[in-house]
Amino acid sequence: MMSTTSILGIIVMLLQSSISAAIRIQPLAFCHVKQLSRFHKGSRLQLNRILFDTSEIDKSDASVCASRQESGTDETPMATVTLPKDDYRTVHIAKILGLKNGDSVRAGTVINTSDEERDKFAGLLTDDATITWLPEGKIKKAEPTKNGDPPGSLCISIPQPPKTYLSTPSRNEGWDDDAPKVSLLLALPRPLQLSRILPMVSQLGVDQLILTNAMKVPKDYFGSHIFRKPEVLRGLLVEGLAQSGDVRLPNVHVAKRLKVFIEDELDELFPPDEVARVIAHPQRRDIDGREAGPVPLRMTDVEFPNSDTRRLLIAVGPEGGWTEPYELDMFRDKGFQQITLGTRVLRSDVAVVSLMSLAHEVCSKSK
């Protein structure tokens, strides 16, 4: 039989072996996590269409000629865009799509319908843009490296019509089937939550987006970096567009005084004879579980004005709901129909996505 000392010695040896193995394994696991972190940091957007700003369009003929030479085509592209090696779109095309020279990619240029002077390249859409890798440094092959990194900068050529067409940007130039017919008036949520909501909103499709205050909205929310740096807000909206494949940015209005907006600007932006107005608010119940007050409508019960196209404005309040009765009465006086998703008090992001999905569904139905 083994002595107690021998048994203890074996246990100590096993523990030492386990600790040594753990020490050897942990750094590898940690490195893997760091690599994943860096990868997602460089290509966090899910891109179903590569989008550009019109300011990124190459202006010199040299870049166009270089693109033609590399891609081996004699057709002069309508426009070209050259992206740097570390651009998230370049990383996405190399690491996720794995495209090589001459491959096609869906692309487009963002259009803002509120711009008075519109660039001629704004609102372009194509499913046949071609890519050309421009190797840099020691890399000679014009294709993604073995680990999926870009070999250098990337030139994307947008072809001539009919492979490229102009999207219909707004109702002023005629509605198409995909043009957003839903607008959103949103009581400002917390900045972190707003940064999550904005891509969702543009992804679902929205015509006008009004960010406003309410009695339950802290004033310092308007001091967020999202408002101090307009490019941040625009970037979040473009993120949603890239996912959906659309190029039309919503018109964004910041209304720091809700009452003034309701009284002075609402009718001009949303004529009551053209746009149905609804306000979302939780359905209240008393202590006995009975419905308190008049029963709100559901989205499918909303009445639309007699116009050719169904358009809808949704007012979504803070997470605690609009202030009763003051804010609710102010909206009702302006012809807002009160709707509900039930008795549950939802977070702003959940309420916005649910309501907008229902709104698009009812607007798509023929009268």
Protein backbone atom coordinates (compact mmCIF):
# COMPACT_ATOMS: atom_id res chain seq x y z
CA MET A 1 0.00 0.00 0.00
CA MET A 2 1.15 3.54 -0.72
CA SER A 3 2.03 5.76 2.17
CA THR A 4 0.24 9.02 2.87
CA THR A 5 3.41 10.91 1.89
CA SER A 6 3.49 9.23 -1.53
CA ILE A 7 -0.17 10.00 -2.18
CA LEU A 8 0.34 13.64 -1.28
CA GLY A 9 3.38 13.77 -3.58
CA ILE A 10 1.34 12.45 -6.51
CA ILE A 11 -1.42 14.99 -5.84
CA VAL A 12 1.14 17.83 -5.78
CA MET A 13 2.62 16.64 -9.10
CA LEU A 14 -0.83 16.49 -10.73
CA LEU A 15 -1.66 19.97 -9.51
CA GLN A 16 1.64 21.30 -10.84
CA SER A 17 0.97 19.72 -14.24
CA SER A 18 -2.53 21.23 -14.37
CA ILE A 19 -1.23 24.67 -13.47
CA SER A 20 1.54 24.44 -16.08
CA ALA A 21 -0.97 23.41 -18.76
CA ALA A 22 -3.26 26.27 -17.78
CA ILE A 23 -0.39 28.73 -17.99
CA ARG A 24 0.53 27.46 -21.48
CA ILE A 25 -3.06 27.59 -22.73
CA GLN A 26 -4.22 30.91 -21.33
CA PRO A 27 -1.94 33.19 -23.38
CA LEU A 28 -3.14 31.49 -26.59
CA ALA A 29 -6.79 32.00 -25.66
CA PHE A 30 -6.08 35.60 -24.72
CA CYS A 31 -4.35 36.26 -28.05
CA HIS A 32 -7.31 34.76 -29.91
CA VAL A 33 -9.71 37.10 -28.10
CA LYS A 34 -7.50 40.07 -28.90
CA GLN A 35 -7.42 39.09 -32.59
CA LEU A 36 -11.20 38.83 -32.69
CA SER A 37 -11.48 42.20 -31.00
CA ARG A 38 -9.20 43.83 -33.55
CA PHE A 39 -11.02 42.12 -36.41
CA HIS A 40 -14.46 43.31 -35.35
CA LYS A 41 -13.13 46.76 -34.60
CA GLY A 42 -11.95 47.04 -38.20
CA SER A 43 -15.06 45.59 -39.87
CA ARG A 44 -17.93 45.87 -37.46
CA LEU A 45 -20.49 46.95 -40.06
CA GLN A 46 -22.59 44.35 -41.84
CA LEU A 47 -22.47 45.69 -45.39
CA ASN A 48 -25.04 44.52 -47.92
CA ARG A 49 -24.12 47.50 -50.09
CA ILE A 50 -20.84 49.43 -50.10
CA LEU A 51 -21.80 53.08 -49.70
CA PHE A 52 -19.82 56.21 -50.50
CA ASP A 53 -20.26 59.89 -49.94
CA THR A 54 -20.14 61.96 -53.10
CA SER A 55 -17.08 63.73 -51.72
CA GLU A 56 -15.20 60.40 -52.03
CA ILE A 57 -15.67 60.22 -55.79
CA ASP A 58 -12.30 60.49 -57.57
CA LYS A 59 -12.05 63.79 -59.43
CA SER A 60 -8.88 63.17 -61.44
CA ASP A 61 -8.82 61.24 -64.72
CA ALA A 62 -5.61 59.49 -63.60
CA SER A 63 -7.45 57.30 -61.13
CA VAL A 64 -10.04 56.38 -63.76
CA CYS A 65 -7.32 55.39 -66.23
CA ALA A 66 -5.52 53.34 -63.56
CA SER A 67 -8.77 51.54 -62.77
CA ARG A 68 -9.35 50.70 -66.44
CA GLN A 69 -5.81 49.44 -66.86
CA GLU A 70 -5.95 47.17 -63.80
CA SER A 71 -9.41 45.76 -64.50
CA GLY A 72 -8.65 45.08 -68.15
CA THR A 73 -11.75 46.75 -69.59
CA ASP A 74 -12.04 49.43 -72.24
CA GLU A 75 -15.33 50.75 -70.90
CA THR A 76 -14.92 54.07 -69.13
CA PRO A 77 -16.60 53.85 -65.71
CA MET A 78 -19.14 56.43 -64.69
CA ALA A 79 -17.12 57.16 -61.54
CA THR A 80 -14.40 55.64 -59.38
CA VAL A 81 -13.72 55.66 -55.66
CA THR A 82 -10.34 54.86 -54.09
CA LEU A 83 -10.47 53.61 -50.50
CA PRO A 84 -7.41 53.43 -48.21
CA LYS A 85 -6.11 50.11 -46.96
CA ASP A 86 -7.43 50.55 -43.41
CA ASP A 87 -10.93 51.72 -44.40
CA TYR A 88 -13.64 49.47 -42.92
CA ARG A 89 -15.11 48.93 -46.40
CA THR A 90 -11.75 47.82 -47.76
CA VAL A 91 -11.32 45.41 -44.85
CA HIS A 92 -14.85 44.07 -45.36
CA ILE A 93 -14.30 43.43 -49.08
CA ALA A 94 -11.01 41.64 -48.40
CA LYS A 95 -11.71 39.71 -45.21
CA ILE A 96 -15.45 38.98 -45.47
CA LEU A 97 -16.17 38.93 -49.21
CA GLY A 98 -12.69 37.85 -50.36
CA LEU A 99 -13.08 39.60 -53.71
CA LYS A 100 -10.37 39.67 -56.36
CA ASN A 101 -9.67 42.00 -59.28
CA GLY A 102 -12.62 42.27 -61.64
CA ASP A 103 -15.16 40.87 -59.15
CA SER A 104 -18.47 42.70 -58.75
CA VAL A 105 -19.88 44.28 -55.62
CA ARG A 106 -23.10 46.11 -54.77
CA ALA A 107 -22.38 49.81 -54.32
CA GLY A 108 -24.08 53.18 -54.11
CA THR A 109 -23.68 56.83 -53.20
CA VAL A 110 -25.58 58.32 -50.30
CA ILE A 111 -28.19 60.96 -51.09
CA ASN A 112 -29.62 63.52 -48.69
CA THR A 113 -32.92 64.85 -50.02
CA SER A 114 -32.61 68.01 -47.93
CA ASP A 115 -29.55 69.21 -49.89
CA GLU A 116 -30.51 72.23 -51.98
CA GLU A 117 -27.66 71.70 -54.46
CA ARG A 118 -27.48 67.99 -55.17
CA ASP A 119 -24.32 66.41 -56.54
CA LYS A 120 -24.79 64.66 -59.88
CA PHE A 121 -23.38 61.46 -58.38
CA ALA A 122 -25.75 61.43 -55.38
CA GLY A 123 -28.17 58.51 -55.17
CA LEU A 124 -26.43 56.15 -57.59
CA LEU A 125 -27.17 52.44 -57.25
CA THR A 126 -25.47 49.50 -58.92
CA ASP A 127 -25.04 45.79 -58.39
CA ASP A 128 -22.14 45.62 -60.86
CA ALA A 129 -19.39 47.84 -59.47
CA THR A 130 -15.98 46.27 -60.09
CA ILE A 131 -12.99 46.27 -57.78
CA THR A 132 -9.28 46.73 -58.45
CA TRP A 133 -6.66 46.13 -55.75
CA LEU A 134 -3.69 48.49 -55.66
CA PRO A 135 -0.90 46.67 -53.77
CA GLU A 136 1.28 48.66 -51.41
CA GLY A 137 4.67 48.14 -49.78
CA LYS A 138 6.21 44.69 -50.13
CA ILE A 139 2.97 43.07 -51.28
CA LYS A 140 2.98 42.45 -55.04
CA LYS A 141 -0.11 40.30 -55.60
CA ALA A 142 -3.28 42.29 -56.29
CA GLU A 143 -5.49 40.11 -54.08
CA PRO A 144 -6.23 39.68 -50.36
CA THR A 145 -3.40 38.09 -48.39
CA LYS A 146 -3.55 34.55 -46.99
CA ASN A 147 -4.96 35.81 -43.68
CA GLY A 148 -7.56 37.95 -45.48
CA ASP A 149 -5.94 41.35 -45.06
CA PRO A 150 -6.16 43.91 -47.89
CA PRO A 151 -3.01 44.02 -50.05
CA GLY A 152 -3.31 47.80 -50.27
CA SER A 153 -5.82 50.46 -51.22
CA LEU A 154 -8.89 49.61 -53.28
CA CYS A 155 -10.35 51.22 -56.39
CA ILE A 156 -14.05 50.63 -57.04
CA SER A 157 -15.44 51.46 -60.49
CA ILE A 158 -19.09 52.38 -60.88
CA PRO A 159 -20.26 51.36 -64.38
CA GLN A 160 -22.23 53.39 -66.88
CA PRO A 161 -26.05 53.07 -67.16
CA PRO A 162 -28.04 50.87 -67.45
CA LYS A 163 -25.91 48.95 -64.93
CA THR A 164 -26.10 52.03 -62.71
CA TYR A 165 -29.34 53.89 -62.05
CA LEU A 166 -30.54 56.80 -59.94
CA SER A 167 -32.77 56.05 -56.96
CA THR A 168 -35.94 58.08 -56.52
CA PRO A 169 -35.00 60.28 -53.57
CA SER A 170 -38.22 61.84 -52.29
CA ARG A 171 -41.91 62.34 -52.76
CA ASN A 172 -41.21 65.66 -54.52
CA GLU A 173 -39.81 63.70 -57.45
CA GLY A 174 -42.34 60.89 -57.41
CA TRP A 175 -42.63 57.94 -55.04
CA ASP A 176 -41.22 54.57 -55.95
CA ASP A 177 -42.23 51.33 -54.26
CA ASP A 178 -39.27 51.33 -51.89
CA ALA A 179 -39.30 54.99 -50.85
CA PRO A 180 -39.95 55.29 -47.09
CA LYS A 181 -43.50 56.43 -46.30
CA VAL A 182 -43.06 56.42 -42.53
CA SER A 183 -41.68 59.30 -40.45
CA LEU A 184 -40.66 59.21 -36.81
CA LEU A 185 -40.95 61.82 -34.06
CA LEU A 186 -38.79 60.47 -31.25
CA ALA A 187 -38.44 61.83 -27.71
CA LEU A 188 -34.69 61.78 -27.19
CA PRO A 189 -33.47 58.61 -25.42
CA ARG A 190 -30.14 58.21 -23.64
CA PRO A 191 -27.20 58.91 -25.99
CA LEU A 192 -25.98 55.31 -25.88
CA GLN A 193 -29.43 54.06 -26.71
CA LEU A 194 -29.81 56.65 -29.47
CA SER A 195 -26.60 55.35 -31.07
CA ARG A 196 -28.27 51.92 -31.27
CA ILE A 197 -31.60 53.25 -32.53
CA LEU A 198 -30.31 55.41 -35.41
CA PRO A 199 -28.95 52.51 -37.52
CA MET A 200 -32.17 50.57 -36.88
CA VAL A 201 -34.28 53.51 -38.03
CA SER A 202 -32.43 54.03 -41.30
CA GLN A 203 -32.29 50.27 -41.83
CA LEU A 204 -36.07 49.99 -41.62
CA GLY A 205 -36.53 53.12 -43.75
CA VAL A 206 -37.73 56.52 -42.58
CA ASP A 207 -38.57 59.70 -44.50
CA GLN A 208 -38.33 62.36 -41.78
CA LEU A 209 -36.71 61.87 -38.38
CA ILE A 210 -37.51 64.44 -35.66
CA LEU A 211 -35.50 64.21 -32.44
CA THR A 212 -37.22 66.22 -29.76
CA ASN A 213 -37.46 66.81 -26.05
CA ALA A 214 -40.26 65.87 -23.67
CA MET A 215 -41.00 66.52 -20.04
CA LYS A 216 -39.25 63.26 -19.07
CA VAL A 217 -36.17 63.90 -21.25
CA PRO A 218 -33.13 65.38 -19.40
CA LYS A 219 -31.88 68.52 -21.15
CA ASP A 220 -28.26 67.36 -21.11
CA TYR A 221 -29.08 64.62 -23.64
CA PHE A 222 -28.83 67.29 -26.34
CA GLY A 223 -25.21 67.90 -25.31
CA SER A 224 -24.22 64.43 -26.52
CA HIS A 225 -21.33 64.05 -28.97
CA ILE A 226 -23.92 62.78 -31.48
CA PHE A 227 -25.22 66.36 -31.77
CA ARG A 228 -21.88 68.10 -31.31
CA LYS A 229 -20.39 66.10 -34.19
CA PRO A 230 -22.87 65.83 -37.08
CA GLU A 231 -20.63 63.31 -38.85
CA VAL A 232 -21.26 60.86 -36.00
CA LEU A 233 -25.03 61.03 -36.45
CA ARG A 234 -24.68 60.74 -40.22
CA GLY A 235 -22.34 57.77 -39.86
CA LEU A 236 -24.84 55.88 -37.69
CA LEU A 237 -27.57 56.44 -40.27
CA VAL A 238 -25.29 55.34 -43.11
CA GLU A 239 -24.51 52.17 -41.12
CA GLY A 240 -28.18 51.21 -41.27
CA LEU A 241 -28.43 52.09 -44.97
CA ALA A 242 -25.47 49.86 -45.78
CA GLN A 243 -27.21 46.94 -44.09
CA SER A 244 -30.51 47.51 -45.90
CA GLY A 245 -28.94 48.28 -49.28
CA ASP A 246 -30.63 51.70 -49.55
CA VAL A 247 -28.91 55.03 -50.23
CA ARG A 248 -31.51 57.58 -49.05
CA LEU A 249 -30.65 59.32 -45.81
CA PRO A 250 -33.62 60.48 -43.74
CA ASN A 251 -34.10 64.20 -43.24
CA VAL A 252 -33.16 64.84 -39.63
CA HIS A 253 -34.69 67.68 -37.57
CA VAL A 254 -33.63 68.47 -34.01
CA ALA A 255 -36.48 70.14 -32.10
CA LYS A 256 -35.37 71.11 -28.62
CA ARG A 257 -38.78 72.59 -27.83
CA LEU A 258 -41.58 70.12 -28.50
CA LYS A 259 -44.47 72.55 -28.07
CA VAL A 260 -42.97 75.07 -30.49
CA PHE A 261 -42.41 72.35 -33.08
CA ILE A 262 -45.97 71.04 -32.71
CA GLU A 263 -47.49 74.51 -33.06
CA ASP A 264 -45.24 76.05 -35.74
CA GLU A 265 -43.65 73.34 -37.90
CA LEU A 266 -45.76 70.19 -37.72
CA ASP A 267 -48.42 71.12 -40.29
CA GLU A 268 -45.85 72.26 -42.84
CA LEU A 269 -43.81 69.06 -42.64
CA PHE A 270 -46.78 66.72 -42.28
CA PRO A 271 -49.96 68.19 -43.84
CA PRO A 272 -52.97 66.63 -42.09
CA ASP A 273 -54.70 65.98 -45.43
CA GLU A 274 -51.73 63.88 -46.59
CA VAL A 275 -50.21 62.24 -43.51
CA ALA A 276 -51.85 60.15 -40.79
CA ARG A 277 -50.54 61.08 -37.32
CA VAL A 278 -50.29 58.60 -34.48
CA ILE A 279 -48.89 58.77 -30.95
CA ALA A 280 -47.74 55.63 -29.18
CA HIS A 281 -48.41 55.31 -25.47
CA PRO A 282 -48.71 52.32 -23.09
CA GLN A 283 -52.23 51.16 -22.32
CA ARG A 284 -53.04 51.88 -18.66
CA ARG A 285 -54.89 49.58 -16.26
CA ASP A 286 -56.24 50.25 -12.78
CA ILE A 287 -55.45 48.22 -9.66
CA ASP A 288 -58.22 45.75 -10.54
CA GLY A 289 -56.68 45.08 -13.95
CA ARG A 290 -59.38 46.94 -15.89
CA GLU A 291 -58.49 49.30 -18.74
CA ALA A 292 -58.29 52.88 -17.52
CA GLY A 293 -59.74 55.47 -19.86
CA PRO A 294 -60.63 55.03 -23.54
CA VAL A 295 -59.18 51.99 -25.28
CA PRO A 296 -56.33 53.06 -27.62
CA LEU A 297 -56.21 51.87 -31.21
CA ARG A 298 -53.90 49.30 -32.69
CA MET A 299 -51.74 50.18 -35.71
CA THR A 300 -54.07 48.31 -38.05
CA ASP A 301 -56.98 50.51 -36.89
CA VAL A 302 -55.37 53.84 -37.90
CA GLU A 303 -57.43 55.99 -40.24
CA PHE A 304 -55.59 57.52 -43.21
CA PRO A 305 -56.53 60.72 -45.06
CA ASN A 306 -57.91 60.46 -48.57
CA SER A 307 -54.64 60.79 -50.50
CA ASP A 308 -53.03 58.71 -53.23
CA THR A 309 -50.25 57.37 -51.00
CA ARG A 310 -50.45 56.19 -47.42
CA ARG A 311 -48.00 58.14 -45.28
CA LEU A 312 -47.66 57.96 -41.52
CA LEU A 313 -45.99 59.93 -38.71
CA ILE A 314 -45.34 58.06 -35.44
CA ALA A 315 -44.63 59.92 -32.19
CA VAL A 316 -42.69 57.72 -29.73
CA GLY A 317 -42.15 59.04 -26.21
CA PRO A 318 -39.58 58.39 -23.49
CA GLU A 319 -39.39 54.98 -21.85
CA GLY A 320 -41.79 56.14 -19.15
CA GLY A 321 -44.26 57.29 -21.77
CA TRP A 322 -45.54 60.76 -22.60
CA THR A 323 -46.61 62.93 -19.66
CA GLU A 324 -50.33 62.57 -18.89
CA PRO A 325 -52.47 64.43 -19.57
CA TYR A 326 -50.49 67.47 -20.81
CA GLU A 327 -48.41 66.00 -23.66
CA LEU A 328 -51.07 63.51 -24.71
CA ASP A 329 -53.66 66.28 -24.98
CA MET A 330 -51.23 68.44 -26.98
CA PHE A 331 -50.84 65.68 -29.55
CA ARG A 332 -54.54 64.85 -29.64
CA ASP A 333 -55.38 68.50 -30.32
CA LYS A 334 -53.22 68.23 -33.44
CA GLY A 335 -55.11 65.21 -34.76
CA PHE A 336 -52.85 62.43 -33.45
CA GLN A 337 -54.56 59.08 -33.04
CA GLN A 338 -53.40 57.28 -29.90
CA ILE A 339 -52.21 53.73 -30.47
CA THR A 340 -50.67 51.15 -28.19
CA LEU A 341 -48.62 47.96 -28.24
CA GLY A 342 -50.23 46.81 -25.02
CA THR A 343 -49.77 47.38 -21.30
CA ARG A 344 -46.03 46.70 -21.18
CA VAL A 345 -43.68 49.67 -20.87
CA LEU A 346 -41.05 49.05 -23.54
CA ARG A 347 -37.55 50.37 -23.98
CA SER A 348 -37.27 53.03 -26.66
CA ASP A 349 -35.35 50.83 -29.11
CA VAL A 350 -37.85 47.96 -28.79
CA ALA A 351 -40.81 50.33 -29.19
CA VAL A 352 -39.31 52.09 -32.22
CA VAL A 353 -38.52 48.89 -34.13
CA SER A 354 -41.91 47.33 -33.33
CA LEU A 355 -43.92 50.41 -34.25
CA MET A 356 -42.00 51.15 -37.44
CA SER A 357 -42.35 47.57 -38.64
CA LEU A 358 -46.12 47.74 -38.12
CA ALA A 359 -46.27 51.19 -39.72
CA HIS A 360 -44.51 50.03 -42.88
CA GLU A 361 -46.90 47.11 -43.10
CA VAL A 362 -50.06 49.24 -42.91
CA CYS A 363 -48.63 51.83 -45.32
CA SER A 364 -47.87 49.14 -47.88
CA LYS A 365 -51.50 48.03 -48.04
CA SER A 366 -53.58 49.47 -50.87
CA LYS A 367 -56.56 51.57 -49.93
